[in-house]
Amino acid sequence: MPHVIAEPCIGAEDCACAAVCPVDGIHPTPEEEAFELEDMCYINPACCIDCGLCVDECSAGAVFAEEDLPEQWQSYVLRNAEYYERQ
């Protein structure tokens, strides 16, 4: 199962998780124009290899394995996927 970025990321603007992702599956990054338009980063569920490197790197505590995602943030599974559908 892929990892998911959830609500604690909103406004965090750190995005350190993207730098450690071995498959370049976290966007937008601060170098991208879309970074200014989004309120958080997103993990691409189609390419996430479930390595978990992003979990420890996230200072906001916003990254979860999908099976560990708290109930109140289940909507972020779809929100992450929808970001990549718009791209």
PDB file of N, CA and C in Angstrom:
ATOM      1  N   MET A   1       0.844  -1.194   0.000  1.00  0.00           N
ATOM      2  CA  MET A   1       0.000   0.000   0.000  1.00  0.00           C
ATOM      3  C   MET A   1       0.879   1.244   0.000  1.00  0.00           C
ATOM      4  N   PRO A   2       0.461   2.279  -0.697  1.00  0.00           N
ATOM      5  CA  PRO A   2       1.258   3.506  -0.738  1.00  0.00           C
ATOM      6  C   PRO A   2       1.138   4.294   0.563  1.00  0.00           C
ATOM      7  N   HIS A   3       2.016   5.238   0.692  1.00  0.00           N
ATOM      8  CA  HIS A   3       1.942   6.175   1.802  1.00  0.00           C
ATOM      9  C   HIS A   3       1.043   7.334   1.394  1.00  0.00           C
ATOM     10  N   VAL A   4       0.580   8.072   2.394  1.00  0.00           N
ATOM     11  CA  VAL A   4      -0.370   9.164   2.174  1.00  0.00           C
ATOM     12  C   VAL A   4       0.090  10.373   2.979  1.00  0.00           C
ATOM     13  N   ILE A   5      -0.001  11.543   2.381  1.00  0.00           N
ATOM     14  CA  ILE A   5       0.249  12.785   3.107  1.00  0.00           C
ATOM     15  C   ILE A   5      -1.104  13.315   3.537  1.00  0.00           C
ATOM     16  N   ALA A   6      -1.217  13.669   4.817  1.00  0.00           N
ATOM     17  CA  ALA A   6      -2.495  14.072   5.386  1.00  0.00           C
ATOM     18  C   ALA A   6      -2.458  15.519   5.909  1.00  0.00           C
ATOM     19  N   GLU A   7      -3.492  15.889   6.598  1.00  0.00           N
ATOM     20  CA  GLU A   7      -3.750  17.263   7.034  1.00  0.00           C
ATOM     21  C   GLU A   7      -2.595  17.996   7.724  1.00  0.00           C
ATOM     22  N   PRO A   8      -1.779  17.341   8.548  1.00  0.00           N
ATOM     23  CA  PRO A   8      -0.698  18.113   9.185  1.00  0.00           C
ATOM     24  C   PRO A   8       0.257  18.780   8.206  1.00  0.00           C
ATOM     25  N   CYS A   9       0.250  18.367   6.953  1.00  0.00           N
ATOM     26  CA  CYS A   9       1.113  18.983   5.937  1.00  0.00           C
ATOM     27  C   CYS A   9       0.603  20.355   5.518  1.00  0.00           C
ATOM     28  N   ILE A  10      -0.673  20.597   5.669  1.00  0.00           N
ATOM     29  CA  ILE A  10      -1.244  21.858   5.187  1.00  0.00           C
ATOM     30  C   ILE A  10      -0.542  23.032   5.858  1.00  0.00           C
ATOM     31  N   GLY A  11       0.038  23.866   5.026  1.00  0.00           N
ATOM     32  CA  GLY A  11       0.734  25.052   5.496  1.00  0.00           C
ATOM     33  C   GLY A  11       2.140  24.798   5.998  1.00  0.00           C
ATOM     34  N   ALA A  12       2.572  23.549   6.069  1.00  0.00           N
ATOM     35  CA  ALA A  12       3.908  23.239   6.599  1.00  0.00           C
ATOM     36  C   ALA A  12       5.005  23.754   5.677  1.00  0.00           C
ATOM     37  N   GLU A  13       4.803  23.649   4.378  1.00  0.00           N
ATOM     38  CA  GLU A  13       5.724  24.156   3.367  1.00  0.00           C
ATOM     39  C   GLU A  13       7.168  23.712   3.552  1.00  0.00           C
ATOM     40  N   ASP A  14       7.377  22.580   4.154  1.00  0.00           N
ATOM     41  CA  ASP A  14       8.720  22.044   4.344  1.00  0.00           C
ATOM     42  C   ASP A  14       9.109  21.196   3.144  1.00  0.00           C
ATOM     43  N   CYS A  15       8.325  20.192   2.866  1.00  0.00           N
ATOM     44  CA  CYS A  15       8.497  19.301   1.714  1.00  0.00           C
ATOM     45  C   CYS A  15       9.837  18.579   1.709  1.00  0.00           C
ATOM     46  N   ALA A  16      10.446  18.391   2.875  1.00  0.00           N
ATOM     47  CA  ALA A  16      11.702  17.648   2.975  1.00  0.00           C
ATOM     48  C   ALA A  16      11.503  16.202   2.546  1.00  0.00           C
ATOM     49  N   CYS A  17      10.273  15.711   2.664  1.00  0.00           N
ATOM     50  CA  CYS A  17       9.969  14.334   2.285  1.00  0.00           C
ATOM     51  C   CYS A  17      10.266  14.090   0.809  1.00  0.00           C
ATOM     52  N   ALA A  18      10.058  15.086  -0.027  1.00  0.00           N
ATOM     53  CA  ALA A  18      10.276  14.928  -1.467  1.00  0.00           C
ATOM     54  C   ALA A  18      11.740  14.663  -1.788  1.00  0.00           C
ATOM     55  N   ALA A  19      12.626  15.244  -1.023  1.00  0.00           N
ATOM     56  CA  ALA A  19      14.059  15.091  -1.289  1.00  0.00           C
ATOM     57  C   ALA A  19      14.548  13.665  -1.060  1.00  0.00           C
ATOM     58  N   VAL A  20      13.882  12.918  -0.194  1.00  0.00           N
ATOM     59  CA  VAL A  20      14.336  11.556   0.104  1.00  0.00           C
ATOM     60  C   VAL A  20      13.575  10.487  -0.680  1.00  0.00           C
ATOM     61  N   CYS A  21      12.567  10.871  -1.431  1.00  0.00           N
ATOM     62  CA  CYS A  21      11.766   9.905  -2.179  1.00  0.00           C
ATOM     63  C   CYS A  21      12.588   9.347  -3.349  1.00  0.00           C
ATOM     64  N   PRO A  22      12.855   8.029  -3.345  1.00  0.00           N
ATOM     65  CA  PRO A  22      13.697   7.456  -4.401  1.00  0.00           C
ATOM     66  C   PRO A  22      13.016   7.350  -5.760  1.00  0.00           C
ATOM     67  N   VAL A  23      11.705   7.563  -5.823  1.00  0.00           N
ATOM     68  CA  VAL A  23      11.002   7.450  -7.103  1.00  0.00           C
ATOM     69  C   VAL A  23      10.418   8.791  -7.556  1.00  0.00           C
ATOM     70  N   ASP A  24      10.834   9.882  -6.921  1.00  0.00           N
ATOM     71  CA  ASP A  24      10.356  11.224  -7.283  1.00  0.00           C
ATOM     72  C   ASP A  24       8.825  11.258  -7.291  1.00  0.00           C
ATOM     73  N   GLY A  25       8.227  10.729  -6.234  1.00  0.00           N
ATOM     74  CA  GLY A  25       6.772  10.592  -6.189  1.00  0.00           C
ATOM     75  C   GLY A  25       6.063  11.567  -5.280  1.00  0.00           C
ATOM     76  N   ILE A  26       6.745  12.623  -4.821  1.00  0.00           N
ATOM     77  CA  ILE A  26       6.115  13.616  -3.946  1.00  0.00           C
ATOM     78  C   ILE A  26       6.228  14.982  -4.600  1.00  0.00           C
ATOM     79  N   HIS A  27       5.078  15.606  -4.795  1.00  0.00           N
ATOM     80  CA  HIS A  27       5.022  16.911  -5.467  1.00  0.00           C
ATOM     81  C   HIS A  27       3.864  17.721  -4.903  1.00  0.00           C
ATOM     82  N   PRO A  28       3.805  18.989  -5.130  1.00  0.00           N
ATOM     83  CA  PRO A  28       4.837  19.809  -5.748  1.00  0.00           C
ATOM     84  C   PRO A  28       5.970  20.088  -4.770  1.00  0.00           C
ATOM     85  N   THR A  29       7.130  20.308  -5.312  1.00  0.00           N
ATOM     86  CA  THR A  29       8.296  20.660  -4.510  1.00  0.00           C
ATOM     87  C   THR A  29       8.476  22.182  -4.573  1.00  0.00           C
ATOM     88  N   PRO A  30       9.259  22.744  -3.666  1.00  0.00           N
ATOM     89  CA  PRO A  30       9.463  24.207  -3.686  1.00  0.00           C
ATOM     90  C   PRO A  30      10.012  24.740  -5.003  1.00  0.00           C
ATOM     91  N   GLU A  31      10.654  23.890  -5.787  1.00  0.00           N
ATOM     92  CA  GLU A  31      11.208  24.319  -7.076  1.00  0.00           C
ATOM     93  C   GLU A  31      10.153  24.398  -8.174  1.00  0.00           C
ATOM     94  N   GLU A  32       8.979  23.850  -7.926  1.00  0.00           N
ATOM     95  CA  GLU A  32       7.929  23.813  -8.938  1.00  0.00           C
ATOM     96  C   GLU A  32       6.962  24.991  -8.783  1.00  0.00           C
ATOM     97  N   GLU A  33       6.482  25.481  -9.899  1.00  0.00           N
ATOM     98  CA  GLU A  33       5.521  26.579  -9.897  1.00  0.00           C
ATOM     99  C   GLU A  33       4.258  26.224  -9.114  1.00  0.00           C
ATOM    100  N   ALA A  34       3.829  24.989  -9.190  1.00  0.00           N
ATOM    101  CA  ALA A  34       2.610  24.533  -8.514  1.00  0.00           C
ATOM    102  C   ALA A  34       2.713  24.608  -6.994  1.00  0.00           C
ATOM    103  N   PHE A  35       3.924  24.692  -6.461  1.00  0.00           N
ATOM    104  CA  PHE A  35       4.119  24.739  -5.013  1.00  0.00           C
ATOM    105  C   PHE A  35       3.398  25.944  -4.402  1.00  0.00           C
ATOM    106  N   GLU A  36       3.414  27.059  -5.103  1.00  0.00           N
ATOM    107  CA  GLU A  36       2.746  28.272  -4.612  1.00  0.00           C
ATOM    108  C   GLU A  36       1.224  28.162  -4.681  1.00  0.00           C
ATOM    109  N   LEU A  37       0.719  27.275  -5.516  1.00  0.00           N
ATOM    110  CA  LEU A  37      -0.724  27.136  -5.705  1.00  0.00           C
ATOM    111  C   LEU A  37      -1.358  26.106  -4.787  1.00  0.00           C
ATOM    112  N   GLU A  38      -0.568  25.212  -4.237  1.00  0.00           N
ATOM    113  CA  GLU A  38      -1.077  24.135  -3.384  1.00  0.00           C
ATOM    114  C   GLU A  38      -0.828  24.445  -1.922  1.00  0.00           C
ATOM    115  N   ASP A  39      -1.661  23.887  -1.056  1.00  0.00           N
ATOM    116  CA  ASP A  39      -1.465  24.118   0.373  1.00  0.00           C
ATOM    117  C   ASP A  39      -0.722  22.967   1.051  1.00  0.00           C
ATOM    118  N   MET A  40      -0.356  21.934   0.273  1.00  0.00           N
ATOM    119  CA  MET A  40       0.357  20.793   0.824  1.00  0.00           C
ATOM    120  C   MET A  40       1.043  20.023  -0.304  1.00  0.00           C
ATOM    121  N   CYS A  41       1.836  19.022   0.074  1.00  0.00           N
ATOM    122  CA  CYS A  41       2.461  18.119  -0.887  1.00  0.00           C
ATOM    123  C   CYS A  41       1.618  16.858  -0.978  1.00  0.00           C
ATOM    124  N   TYR A  42       1.832  16.090  -2.038  1.00  0.00           N
ATOM    125  CA  TYR A  42       1.049  14.882  -2.280  1.00  0.00           C
ATOM    126  C   TYR A  42       1.962  13.741  -2.718  1.00  0.00           C
ATOM    127  N   ILE A  43       1.616  12.529  -2.317  1.00  0.00           N
ATOM    128  CA  ILE A  43       2.344  11.336  -2.751  1.00  0.00           C
ATOM    129  C   ILE A  43       1.564  10.687  -3.890  1.00  0.00           C
ATOM    130  N   ASN A  44       2.279  10.356  -4.948  1.00  0.00           N
ATOM    131  CA  ASN A  44       1.663   9.684  -6.086  1.00  0.00           C
ATOM    132  C   ASN A  44       1.479   8.200  -5.751  1.00  0.00           C
ATOM    133  N   PRO A  45       0.244   7.749  -5.565  1.00  0.00           N
ATOM    134  CA  PRO A  45       0.027   6.355  -5.180  1.00  0.00           C
ATOM    135  C   PRO A  45       0.419   5.359  -6.271  1.00  0.00           C
ATOM    136  N   ALA A  46       0.502   5.822  -7.504  1.00  0.00           N
ATOM    137  CA  ALA A  46       0.856   4.928  -8.613  1.00  0.00           C
ATOM    138  C   ALA A  46       2.340   4.587  -8.632  1.00  0.00           C
ATOM    139  N   CYS A  47       3.165   5.431  -8.026  1.00  0.00           N
ATOM    140  CA  CYS A  47       4.600   5.138  -8.069  1.00  0.00           C
ATOM    141  C   CYS A  47       5.218   4.915  -6.696  1.00  0.00           C
ATOM    142  N   CYS A  48       4.475   5.138  -5.628  1.00  0.00           N
ATOM    143  CA  CYS A  48       5.005   4.921  -4.276  1.00  0.00           C
ATOM    144  C   CYS A  48       5.408   3.463  -4.112  1.00  0.00           C
ATOM    145  N   ILE A  49       6.642   3.239  -3.663  1.00  0.00           N
ATOM    146  CA  ILE A  49       7.140   1.876  -3.471  1.00  0.00           C
ATOM    147  C   ILE A  49       7.084   1.455  -2.007  1.00  0.00           C
ATOM    148  N   ASP A  50       6.445   2.266  -1.177  1.00  0.00           N
ATOM    149  CA  ASP A  50       6.218   1.921   0.227  1.00  0.00           C
ATOM    150  C   ASP A  50       7.526   1.772   1.008  1.00  0.00           C
ATOM    151  N   CYS A  51       8.516   2.585   0.667  1.00  0.00           N
ATOM    152  CA  CYS A  51       9.810   2.487   1.338  1.00  0.00           C
ATOM    153  C   CYS A  51       9.777   3.107   2.730  1.00  0.00           C
ATOM    154  N   GLY A  52       8.914   4.111   2.923  1.00  0.00           N
ATOM    155  CA  GLY A  52       8.772   4.742   4.224  1.00  0.00           C
ATOM    156  C   GLY A  52       9.795   5.812   4.554  1.00  0.00           C
ATOM    157  N   LEU A  53      10.693   6.125   3.652  1.00  0.00           N
ATOM    158  CA  LEU A  53      11.703   7.148   3.931  1.00  0.00           C
ATOM    159  C   LEU A  53      11.073   8.504   4.233  1.00  0.00           C
ATOM    160  N   CYS A  54       9.965   8.790   3.599  1.00  0.00           N
ATOM    161  CA  CYS A  54       9.292  10.079   3.774  1.00  0.00           C
ATOM    162  C   CYS A  54       8.702  10.244   5.173  1.00  0.00           C
ATOM    163  N   VAL A  55       8.347   9.156   5.816  1.00  0.00           N
ATOM    164  CA  VAL A  55       7.722   9.222   7.141  1.00  0.00           C
ATOM    165  C   VAL A  55       8.657   9.883   8.140  1.00  0.00           C
ATOM    166  N   ASP A  56       9.884   9.413   8.213  1.00  0.00           N
ATOM    167  CA  ASP A  56      10.845   9.960   9.172  1.00  0.00           C
ATOM    168  C   ASP A  56      11.296  11.368   8.812  1.00  0.00           C
ATOM    169  N   GLU A  57      11.272  11.704   7.545  1.00  0.00           N
ATOM    170  CA  GLU A  57      11.750  13.010   7.092  1.00  0.00           C
ATOM    171  C   GLU A  57      10.736  14.128   7.336  1.00  0.00           C
ATOM    172  N   CYS A  58       9.465  13.778   7.472  1.00  0.00           N
ATOM    173  CA  CYS A  58       8.409  14.775   7.609  1.00  0.00           C
ATOM    174  C   CYS A  58       8.363  15.348   9.021  1.00  0.00           C
ATOM    175  N   SER A  59       8.754  16.605   9.156  1.00  0.00           N
ATOM    176  CA  SER A  59       8.764  17.256  10.471  1.00  0.00           C
ATOM    177  C   SER A  59       7.356  17.554  10.972  1.00  0.00           C
ATOM    178  N   ALA A  60       6.378  17.574  10.083  1.00  0.00           N
ATOM    179  CA  ALA A  60       4.996  17.853  10.471  1.00  0.00           C
ATOM    180  C   ALA A  60       4.246  16.603  10.925  1.00  0.00           C
ATOM    181  N   GLY A  61       4.834  15.445  10.730  1.00  0.00           N
ATOM    182  CA  GLY A  61       4.156  14.200  11.091  1.00  0.00           C
ATOM    183  C   GLY A  61       2.933  13.937  10.228  1.00  0.00           C
ATOM    184  N   ALA A  62       3.043  14.286   8.953  1.00  0.00           N
ATOM    185  CA  ALA A  62       1.898  14.220   8.048  1.00  0.00           C
ATOM    186  C   ALA A  62       1.881  13.008   7.134  1.00  0.00           C
ATOM    187  N   VAL A  63       2.921  12.185   7.153  1.00  0.00           N
ATOM    188  CA  VAL A  63       3.013  11.059   6.230  1.00  0.00           C
ATOM    189  C   VAL A  63       2.725   9.752   6.971  1.00  0.00           C
ATOM    190  N   PHE A  64       1.823   8.975   6.390  1.00  0.00           N
ATOM    191  CA  PHE A  64       1.398   7.725   7.003  1.00  0.00           C
ATOM    192  C   PHE A  64       1.361   6.613   5.963  1.00  0.00           C
ATOM    193  N   ALA A  65       1.664   5.388   6.396  1.00  0.00           N
ATOM    194  CA  ALA A  65       1.337   4.241   5.564  1.00  0.00           C
ATOM    195  C   ALA A  65      -0.179   4.224   5.488  1.00  0.00           C
ATOM    196  N   GLU A  66      -0.736   3.913   4.339  1.00  0.00           N
ATOM    197  CA  GLU A  66      -2.192   3.992   4.172  1.00  0.00           C
ATOM    198  C   GLU A  66      -2.937   3.208   5.246  1.00  0.00           C
ATOM    199  N   GLU A  67      -2.419   2.053   5.628  1.00  0.00           N
ATOM    200  CA  GLU A  67      -3.105   1.249   6.633  1.00  0.00           C
ATOM    201  C   GLU A  67      -3.021   1.855   8.043  1.00  0.00           C
ATOM    202  N   ASP A  68      -2.123   2.814   8.249  1.00  0.00           N
ATOM    203  CA  ASP A  68      -1.979   3.474   9.546  1.00  0.00           C
ATOM    204  C   ASP A  68      -2.591   4.871   9.587  1.00  0.00           C
ATOM    205  N   LEU A  69      -3.185   5.288   8.492  1.00  0.00           N
ATOM    206  CA  LEU A  69      -3.772   6.627   8.404  1.00  0.00           C
ATOM    207  C   LEU A  69      -4.940   6.751   9.381  1.00  0.00           C
ATOM    208  N   PRO A  70      -4.921   7.764  10.265  1.00  0.00           N
ATOM    209  CA  PRO A  70      -6.026   7.945  11.202  1.00  0.00           C
ATOM    210  C   PRO A  70      -7.364   8.110  10.477  1.00  0.00           C
ATOM    211  N   GLU A  71      -8.396   7.615  11.073  1.00  0.00           N
ATOM    212  CA  GLU A  71      -9.740   7.630  10.486  1.00  0.00           C
ATOM    213  C   GLU A  71     -10.159   9.023  10.014  1.00  0.00           C
ATOM    214  N   GLN A  72      -9.868  10.045  10.808  1.00  0.00           N
ATOM    215  CA  GLN A  72     -10.315  11.399  10.457  1.00  0.00           C
ATOM    216  C   GLN A  72      -9.635  11.947   9.203  1.00  0.00           C
ATOM    217  N   TRP A  73      -8.584  11.302   8.739  1.00  0.00           N
ATOM    218  CA  TRP A  73      -7.872  11.768   7.552  1.00  0.00           C
ATOM    219  C   TRP A  73      -7.981  10.800   6.377  1.00  0.00           C
ATOM    220  N   GLN A  74      -8.917   9.897   6.390  1.00  0.00           N
ATOM    221  CA  GLN A  74      -9.085   8.931   5.302  1.00  0.00           C
ATOM    222  C   GLN A  74      -9.337   9.615   3.960  1.00  0.00           C
ATOM    223  N   SER A  75      -9.942  10.787   3.965  1.00  0.00           N
ATOM    224  CA  SER A  75     -10.211  11.492   2.707  1.00  0.00           C
ATOM    225  C   SER A  75      -8.924  11.892   1.979  1.00  0.00           C
ATOM    226  N   TYR A  76      -7.803  11.890   2.680  1.00  0.00           N
ATOM    227  CA  TYR A  76      -6.539  12.269   2.059  1.00  0.00           C
ATOM    228  C   TYR A  76      -6.004  11.188   1.118  1.00  0.00           C
ATOM    229  N   VAL A  77      -6.485   9.978   1.237  1.00  0.00           N
ATOM    230  CA  VAL A  77      -6.112   8.934   0.272  1.00  0.00           C
ATOM    231  C   VAL A  77      -6.563   9.397  -1.115  1.00  0.00           C
ATOM    232  N   LEU A  78      -7.808   9.804  -1.214  1.00  0.00           N
ATOM    233  CA  LEU A  78      -8.358  10.282  -2.481  1.00  0.00           C
ATOM    234  C   LEU A  78      -7.737  11.617  -2.877  1.00  0.00           C
ATOM    235  N   ARG A  79      -7.523  12.488  -1.921  1.00  0.00           N
ATOM    236  CA  ARG A  79      -6.964  13.811  -2.231  1.00  0.00           C
ATOM    237  C   ARG A  79      -5.571  13.680  -2.850  1.00  0.00           C
ATOM    238  N   ASN A  80      -4.743  12.769  -2.330  1.00  0.00           N
ATOM    239  CA  ASN A  80      -3.418  12.556  -2.920  1.00  0.00           C
ATOM    240  C   ASN A  80      -3.546  12.032  -4.341  1.00  0.00           C
ATOM    241  N   ALA A  81      -4.398  11.054  -4.558  1.00  0.00           N
ATOM    242  CA  ALA A  81      -4.585  10.472  -5.895  1.00  0.00           C
ATOM    243  C   ALA A  81      -5.126  11.511  -6.874  1.00  0.00           C
ATOM    244  N   GLU A  82      -6.083  12.311  -6.437  1.00  0.00           N
ATOM    245  CA  GLU A  82      -6.691  13.307  -7.325  1.00  0.00           C
ATOM    246  C   GLU A  82      -5.693  14.359  -7.774  1.00  0.00           C
ATOM    247  N   TYR A  83      -4.727  14.698  -6.950  1.00  0.00           N
ATOM    248  CA  TYR A  83      -3.716  15.670  -7.361  1.00  0.00           C
ATOM    249  C   TYR A  83      -3.001  15.168  -8.625  1.00  0.00           C
ATOM    250  N   TYR A  84      -2.662  13.902  -8.662  1.00  0.00           N
ATOM    251  CA  TYR A  84      -1.941  13.349  -9.814  1.00  0.00           C
ATOM    252  C   TYR A  84      -2.844  13.123 -11.014  1.00  0.00           C
ATOM    253  N   GLU A  85      -4.119  12.980 -10.800  1.00  0.00           N
ATOM    254  CA  GLU A  85      -5.060  12.873 -11.916  1.00  0.00           C
ATOM    255  C   GLU A  85      -5.199  14.214 -12.631  1.00  0.00           C
ATOM    256  N   ARG A  86      -5.003  15.309 -11.909  1.00  0.00           N
ATOM    257  CA  ARG A  86      -5.109  16.658 -12.494  1.00  0.00           C
ATOM    258  C   ARG A  86      -3.861  17.033 -13.281  1.00  0.00           C
ATOM    259  N   GLN A  87      -2.778  16.357 -13.044  1.00  0.00           N
ATOM    260  CA  GLN A  87      -1.489  16.726 -13.669  1.00  0.00           C
ATOM    261  C   GLN A  87      -1.407  16.287 -15.108  1.00  0.00           C
TER     262      GLN A  87
END
